[in-house]
PDB file of N, CA and C in Angstrom:
ATOM      1  N   MET A   1     -85.203-124.960  58.958  1.00  0.00           N
ATOM      2  CA  MET A   1     -84.040-125.238  58.127  1.00  0.00           C
ATOM      3  C   MET A   1     -83.571-126.710  58.427  1.00  0.00           C
ATOM      4  N   LEU A   2     -82.871-127.162  57.464  1.00  0.00           N
ATOM      5  CA  LEU A   2     -82.359-128.738  57.632  1.00  0.00           C
ATOM      6  C   LEU A   2     -81.354-128.616  58.789  1.00  0.00           C
ATOM      7  N   ASP A   3     -80.569-127.645  59.064  1.00  0.00           N
ATOM      8  CA  ASP A   3     -79.560-127.660  59.912  1.00  0.00           C
ATOM      9  C   ASP A   3     -78.504-128.781  59.846  1.00  0.00           C
ATOM     10  N   HIS A   4     -78.667-129.853  60.545  1.00  0.00           N
ATOM     11  CA  HIS A   4     -77.729-130.946  60.388  1.00  0.00           C
ATOM     12  C   HIS A   4     -78.608-132.242  60.082  1.00  0.00           C
ATOM     13  N   ARG A   5     -78.146-132.949  58.988  1.00  0.00           N
ATOM     14  CA  ARG A   5     -78.710-134.209  58.789  1.00  0.00           C
ATOM     15  C   ARG A   5     -77.577-135.152  58.560  1.00  0.00           C
ATOM     16  N   TYR A   6     -77.634-136.433  58.989  1.00  0.00           N
ATOM     17  CA  TYR A   6     -76.600-137.302  58.970  1.00  0.00           C
ATOM     18  C   TYR A   6     -77.096-138.575  58.175  1.00  0.00           C
ATOM     19  N   CYS A   7     -76.248-139.126  57.370  1.00  0.00           N
ATOM     20  CA  CYS A   7     -76.384-140.355  56.570  1.00  0.00           C
ATOM     21  C   CYS A   7     -75.128-141.224  56.497  1.00  0.00           C
ATOM     22  N   LEU A   8     -75.405-142.437  56.249  1.00  0.00           N
ATOM     23  CA  LEU A   8     -74.416-143.453  55.934  1.00  0.00           C
ATOM     24  C   LEU A   8     -74.742-143.957  54.665  1.00  0.00           C
ATOM     25  N   VAL A   9     -73.725-143.888  53.671  1.00  0.00           N
ATOM     26  CA  VAL A   9     -74.123-144.324  52.270  1.00  0.00           C
ATOM     27  C   VAL A   9     -72.866-145.230  51.737  1.00  0.00           C
ATOM     28  N   HIS A  10     -73.277-146.103  50.945  1.00  0.00           N
ATOM     29  CA  HIS A  10     -72.221-146.965  50.360  1.00  0.00           C
ATOM     30  C   HIS A  10     -72.089-146.776  48.897  1.00  0.00           C
ATOM     31  N   SER A  11     -72.919-145.914  48.208  1.00  0.00           N
ATOM     32  CA  SER A  11     -72.819-145.701  46.841  1.00  0.00           C
ATOM     33  C   SER A  11     -73.341-144.343  46.472  1.00  0.00           C
ATOM     34  N   ALA A  12     -72.969-143.801  45.307  1.00  0.00           N
ATOM     35  CA  ALA A  12     -73.404-142.743  44.761  1.00  0.00           C
ATOM     36  C   ALA A  12     -74.947-142.684  44.631  1.00  0.00           C
ATOM     37  N   ALA A  13     -75.574-143.890  44.256  1.00  0.00           N
ATOM     38  CA  ALA A  13     -76.921-143.922  44.083  1.00  0.00           C
ATOM     39  C   ALA A  13     -77.617-143.812  45.487  1.00  0.00           C
ATOM     40  N   GLU A  14     -77.072-144.248  46.574  1.00  0.00           N
ATOM     41  CA  GLU A  14     -77.691-144.280  47.865  1.00  0.00           C
ATOM     42  C   GLU A  14     -77.585-142.638  48.263  1.00  0.00           C
ATOM     43  N   LEU A  15     -76.507-141.957  47.897  1.00  0.00           N
ATOM     44  CA  LEU A  15     -76.452-140.480  48.336  1.00  0.00           C
ATOM     45  C   LEU A  15     -77.419-139.736  47.604  1.00  0.00           C
ATOM     46  N   ASP A  16     -77.696-140.081  46.192  1.00  0.00           N
ATOM     47  CA  ASP A  16     -78.659-139.476  45.442  1.00  0.00           C
ATOM     48  C   ASP A  16     -80.054-139.598  46.031  1.00  0.00           C
ATOM     49  N   ALA A  17     -80.300-140.749  46.514  1.00  0.00           N
ATOM     50  CA  ALA A  17     -81.653-141.072  47.245  1.00  0.00           C
ATOM     51  C   ALA A  17     -81.707-140.143  48.444  1.00  0.00           C
ATOM     52  N   GLU A  18     -80.707-140.036  49.241  1.00  0.00           N
ATOM     53  CA  GLU A  18     -80.735-139.155  50.505  1.00  0.00           C
ATOM     54  C   GLU A  18     -81.010-137.643  50.006  1.00  0.00           C
ATOM     55  N   ILE A  19     -80.381-137.256  48.964  1.00  0.00           N
ATOM     56  CA  ILE A  19     -80.526-135.917  48.587  1.00  0.00           C
ATOM     57  C   ILE A  19     -81.952-135.771  47.900  1.00  0.00           C
ATOM     58  N   ARG A  20     -82.443-136.768  47.128  1.00  0.00           N
ATOM     59  CA  ARG A  20     -83.881-136.613  46.697  1.00  0.00           C
ATOM     60  C   ARG A  20     -84.860-136.489  47.777  1.00  0.00           C
ATOM     61  N   ASP A  21     -84.596-137.145  49.013  1.00  0.00           N
ATOM     62  CA  ASP A  21     -85.316-137.045  50.115  1.00  0.00           C
ATOM     63  C   ASP A  21     -85.443-135.554  50.696  1.00  0.00           C
ATOM     64  N   ILE A  22     -84.240-135.063  50.710  1.00  0.00           N
ATOM     65  CA  ILE A  22     -84.177-133.564  51.063  1.00  0.00           C
ATOM     66  C   ILE A  22     -85.083-132.686  50.196  1.00  0.00           C
ATOM     67  N   PHE A  23     -84.822-132.876  48.846  1.00  0.00           N
ATOM     68  CA  PHE A  23     -85.483-132.097  47.854  1.00  0.00           C
ATOM     69  C   PHE A  23     -87.069-132.368  47.881  1.00  0.00           C
ATOM     70  N   ALA A  24     -87.387-133.412  48.508  1.00  0.00           N
ATOM     71  CA  ALA A  24     -88.899-133.756  48.633  1.00  0.00           C
ATOM     72  C   ALA A  24     -89.618-132.732  49.569  1.00  0.00           C
ATOM     73  N   LEU A  25     -88.784-131.841  50.272  1.00  0.00           N
ATOM     74  CA  LEU A  25     -89.413-130.753  51.029  1.00  0.00           C
ATOM     75  C   LEU A  25     -90.106-129.787  50.180  1.00  0.00           C
ATOM     76  N   ASP A  26     -89.461-129.594  48.951  1.00  0.00           N
ATOM     77  CA  ASP A  26     -90.068-128.685  48.035  1.00  0.00           C
ATOM     78  C   ASP A  26     -91.507-129.103  47.650  1.00  0.00           C
ATOM     79  N   MET A  27     -91.741-130.474  47.567  1.00  0.00           N
ATOM     80  CA  MET A  27     -92.935-130.991  47.149  1.00  0.00           C
ATOM     81  C   MET A  27     -94.099-130.757  48.137  1.00  0.00           C
ATOM     82  N   VAL A  28     -93.651-130.621  49.328  1.00  0.00           N
ATOM     83  CA  VAL A  28     -94.580-130.398  50.504  1.00  0.00           C
ATOM     84  C   VAL A  28     -94.674-128.949  50.950  1.00  0.00           C
ATOM     85  N   GLY A  29     -94.098-128.020  50.015  1.00  0.00           N
ATOM     86  CA  GLY A  29     -94.214-126.660  50.468  1.00  0.00           C
ATOM     87  C   GLY A  29     -93.241-126.251  51.422  1.00  0.00           C
ATOM     88  N   ARG A  30     -92.207-126.929  51.815  1.00  0.00           N
ATOM     89  CA  ARG A  30     -91.277-126.702  52.839  1.00  0.00           C
ATOM     90  C   ARG A  30     -89.760-126.462  52.287  1.00  0.00           C
ATOM     91  N   GLY A  31     -89.723-126.079  51.017  1.00  0.00           N
ATOM     92  CA  GLY A  31     -88.350-125.913  50.415  1.00  0.00           C
ATOM     93  C   GLY A  31     -87.584-124.927  51.092  1.00  0.00           C
ATOM     94  N   HIS A  32     -88.242-124.009  51.866  1.00  0.00           N
ATOM     95  CA  HIS A  32     -87.422-122.919  52.480  1.00  0.00           C
ATOM     96  C   HIS A  32     -86.622-123.605  53.664  1.00  0.00           C
ATOM     97  N   GLU A  33     -86.841-124.870  53.927  1.00  0.00           N
ATOM     98  CA  GLU A  33     -86.086-125.563  55.107  1.00  0.00           C
ATOM     99  C   GLU A  33     -84.867-126.161  54.525  1.00  0.00           C
ATOM    100  N   ILE A  34     -84.666-126.264  53.221  1.00  0.00           N
ATOM    101  CA  ILE A  34     -83.405-126.773  52.650  1.00  0.00           C
ATOM    102  C   ILE A  34     -82.166-125.810  52.910  1.00  0.00           C
ATOM    103  N   GLY A  35     -81.276-126.299  53.608  1.00  0.00           N
ATOM    104  CA  GLY A  35     -80.070-125.571  53.961  1.00  0.00           C
ATOM    105  C   GLY A  35     -79.476-126.198  54.981  1.00  0.00           C
ATOM    106  N   GLY A  36     -78.285-125.654  55.551  1.00  0.00           N
ATOM    107  CA  GLY A  36     -77.592-126.370  56.594  1.00  0.00           C
ATOM    108  C   GLY A  36     -76.474-127.110  56.094  1.00  0.00           C
ATOM    109  N   THR A  37     -76.308-128.210  56.877  1.00  0.00           N
ATOM    110  CA  THR A  37     -75.230-129.217  56.664  1.00  0.00           C
ATOM    111  C   THR A  37     -75.618-130.617  56.538  1.00  0.00           C
ATOM    112  N   LEU A  38     -75.137-131.299  55.604  1.00  0.00           N
ATOM    113  CA  LEU A  38     -75.341-132.801  55.398  1.00  0.00           C
ATOM    114  C   LEU A  38     -74.026-133.436  55.924  1.00  0.00           C
ATOM    115  N   HIS A  39     -74.027-134.272  56.690  1.00  0.00           N
ATOM    116  CA  HIS A  39     -72.863-135.023  57.213  1.00  0.00           C
ATOM    117  C   HIS A  39     -72.976-136.521  56.523  1.00  0.00           C
ATOM    118  N   VAL A  40     -72.039-136.658  55.632  1.00  0.00           N
ATOM    119  CA  VAL A  40     -72.035-138.011  54.834  1.00  0.00           C
ATOM    120  C   VAL A  40     -70.918-138.804  55.398  1.00  0.00           C
ATOM    121  N   ASN A  41     -71.278-140.011  56.050  1.00  0.00           N
ATOM    122  CA  ASN A  41     -70.401-141.102  56.336  1.00  0.00           C
ATOM    123  C   ASN A  41     -70.424-141.997  55.067  1.00  0.00           C
ATOM    124  N   TYR A  42     -69.314-142.215  54.461  1.00  0.00           N
ATOM    125  CA  TYR A  42     -69.217-143.187  53.336  1.00  0.00           C
ATOM    126  C   TYR A  42     -68.178-144.274  53.385  1.00  0.00           C
ATOM    127  N   THR A  43     -68.334-145.218  52.655  1.00  0.00           N
ATOM    128  CA  THR A  43     -67.360-146.414  52.604  1.00  0.00           C
ATOM    129  C   THR A  43     -66.487-146.489  51.395  1.00  0.00           C
ATOM    130  N   ASP A  44     -67.025-145.734  50.403  1.00  0.00           N
ATOM    131  CA  ASP A  44     -66.272-145.723  49.072  1.00  0.00           C
ATOM    132  C   ASP A  44     -66.284-144.304  48.489  1.00  0.00           C
ATOM    133  N   GLU A  45     -65.040-143.909  47.935  1.00  0.00           N
ATOM    134  CA  GLU A  45     -65.005-142.692  47.438  1.00  0.00           C
ATOM    135  C   GLU A  45     -65.866-142.324  46.325  1.00  0.00           C
ATOM    136  N   SER A  46     -66.203-143.278  45.498  1.00  0.00           N
ATOM    137  CA  SER A  46     -67.222-143.126  44.475  1.00  0.00           C
ATOM    138  C   SER A  46     -68.513-142.394  44.868  1.00  0.00           C
ATOM    139  N   VAL A  47     -68.814-142.436  46.070  1.00  0.00           N
ATOM    140  CA  VAL A  47     -70.060-141.707  46.640  1.00  0.00           C
ATOM    141  C   VAL A  47     -69.948-140.256  46.284  1.00  0.00           C
ATOM    142  N   LYS A  48     -68.791-139.768  46.141  1.00  0.00           N
ATOM    143  CA  LYS A  48     -68.702-138.251  45.888  1.00  0.00           C
ATOM    144  C   LYS A  48     -68.919-137.970  44.540  1.00  0.00           C
ATOM    145  N   GLN A  49     -69.305-138.961  43.658  1.00  0.00           N
ATOM    146  CA  GLN A  49     -69.604-138.687  42.231  1.00  0.00           C
ATOM    147  C   GLN A  49     -71.246-138.683  42.064  1.00  0.00           C
ATOM    148  N   ALA A  50     -71.876-138.572  43.213  1.00  0.00           N
ATOM    149  CA  ALA A  50     -73.405-138.540  43.070  1.00  0.00           C
ATOM    150  C   ALA A  50     -73.835-137.297  42.268  1.00  0.00           C
ATOM    151  N   SER A  51     -74.848-137.543  41.428  1.00  0.00           N
ATOM    152  CA  SER A  51     -75.050-136.495  40.457  1.00  0.00           C
ATOM    153  C   SER A  51     -75.824-135.349  40.964  1.00  0.00           C
ATOM    154  N   LEU A  52     -76.552-135.502  42.300  1.00  0.00           N
ATOM    155  CA  LEU A  52     -77.347-134.407  42.818  1.00  0.00           C
ATOM    156  C   LEU A  52     -76.555-133.505  43.649  1.00  0.00           C
ATOM    157  N   ILE A  53     -75.240-133.917  43.956  1.00  0.00           N
ATOM    158  CA  ILE A  53     -74.438-132.967  44.772  1.00  0.00           C
ATOM    159  C   ILE A  53     -74.401-131.516  44.414  1.00  0.00           C
ATOM    160  N   PRO A  54     -74.187-131.252  43.224  1.00  0.00           N
ATOM    161  CA  PRO A  54     -74.136-129.814  42.776  1.00  0.00           C
ATOM    162  C   PRO A  54     -75.487-129.081  43.001  1.00  0.00           C
ATOM    163  N   ARG A  55     -76.595-129.700  42.737  1.00  0.00           N
ATOM    164  CA  ARG A  55     -77.842-129.090  43.045  1.00  0.00           C
ATOM    165  C   ARG A  55     -78.174-128.846  44.491  1.00  0.00           C
ATOM    166  N   LEU A  56     -77.646-129.798  45.268  1.00  0.00           N
ATOM    167  CA  LEU A  56     -77.850-129.600  46.788  1.00  0.00           C
ATOM    168  C   LEU A  56     -77.056-128.443  47.279  1.00  0.00           C
ATOM    169  N   GLU A  57     -75.654-128.399  46.774  1.00  0.00           N
ATOM    170  CA  GLU A  57     -74.905-127.302  47.278  1.00  0.00           C
ATOM    171  C   GLU A  57     -75.351-125.933  46.706  1.00  0.00           C
ATOM    172  N   ALA A  58     -76.001-125.898  45.522  1.00  0.00           N
ATOM    173  CA  ALA A  58     -76.615-124.703  44.930  1.00  0.00           C
ATOM    174  C   ALA A  58     -77.754-124.207  45.872  1.00  0.00           C
ATOM    175  N   ARG A  59     -78.338-124.987  46.685  1.00  0.00           N
ATOM    176  CA  ARG A  59     -79.376-124.553  47.513  1.00  0.00           C
ATOM    177  C   ARG A  59     -78.766-124.226  48.912  1.00  0.00           C
ATOM    178  N   GLY A  60     -77.487-124.159  48.999  1.00  0.00           N
ATOM    179  CA  GLY A  60     -77.046-123.688  50.237  1.00  0.00           C
ATOM    180  C   GLY A  60     -76.585-124.660  51.317  1.00  0.00           C
ATOM    181  N   VAL A  61     -76.627-125.993  50.869  1.00  0.00           N
ATOM    182  CA  VAL A  61     -76.264-126.994  51.734  1.00  0.00           C
ATOM    183  C   VAL A  61     -74.835-127.353  51.754  1.00  0.00           C
ATOM    184  N   SER A  62     -74.165-127.419  52.882  1.00  0.00           N
ATOM    185  CA  SER A  62     -72.735-127.756  52.934  1.00  0.00           C
ATOM    186  C   SER A  62     -72.694-129.204  53.226  1.00  0.00           C
ATOM    187  N   ILE A  63     -71.663-129.843  52.621  1.00  0.00           N
ATOM    188  CA  ILE A  63     -71.436-131.260  52.867  1.00  0.00           C
ATOM    189  C   ILE A  63     -70.130-131.522  53.602  1.00  0.00           C
ATOM    190  N   ILE A  64     -70.273-132.292  54.735  1.00  0.00           N
ATOM    191  CA  ILE A  64     -68.984-132.671  55.411  1.00  0.00           C
ATOM    192  C   ILE A  64     -68.871-134.150  55.291  1.00  0.00           C
ATOM    193  N   TRP A  65     -67.696-134.480  54.753  1.00  0.00           N
ATOM    194  CA  TRP A  65     -67.439-135.984  54.362  1.00  0.00           C
ATOM    195  C   TRP A  65     -66.666-136.649  55.444  1.00  0.00           C
ATOM    196  N   LYS A  66     -67.116-137.886  55.680  1.00  0.00           N
ATOM    197  CA  LYS A  66     -66.274-138.624  56.748  1.00  0.00           C
ATOM    198  C   LYS A  66     -66.257-140.219  56.275  1.00  0.00           C
ATOM    199  N   GLN A  67     -65.128-140.576  55.928  1.00  0.00           N
ATOM    200  CA  GLN A  67     -64.991-142.032  55.463  1.00  0.00           C
ATOM    201  C   GLN A  67     -64.910-142.990  56.613  1.00  0.00           C
ATOM    202  N   SER A  68     -65.834-144.026  56.515  1.00  0.00           N
ATOM    203  CA  SER A  68     -65.976-145.068  57.479  1.00  0.00           C
ATOM    204  C   SER A  68     -65.319-146.275  56.989  1.00  0.00           C
ATOM    205  N   ALA A  69     -64.918-147.184  57.774  1.00  0.00           N
ATOM    206  CA  ALA A  69     -64.222-148.294  57.275  1.00  0.00           C
ATOM    207  C   ALA A  69     -65.277-149.570  56.880  1.00  0.00           C
TER     208      ALA A  69
END
């Protein structure tokens, strides 16, 4: 399982790219590992508008947000 994954992103597009990396586990037959918590350090509130967030949460992944300067 994903357990904890950490990322620093500056835009919604960067967060969507991180989420696509997580979903890539499906492509290699490891989709059962998707779950746990994604810790997102971000610099701009617009990051929370990433289009793939609902799909990630639907797979059971919790998101913890932390704004960085």
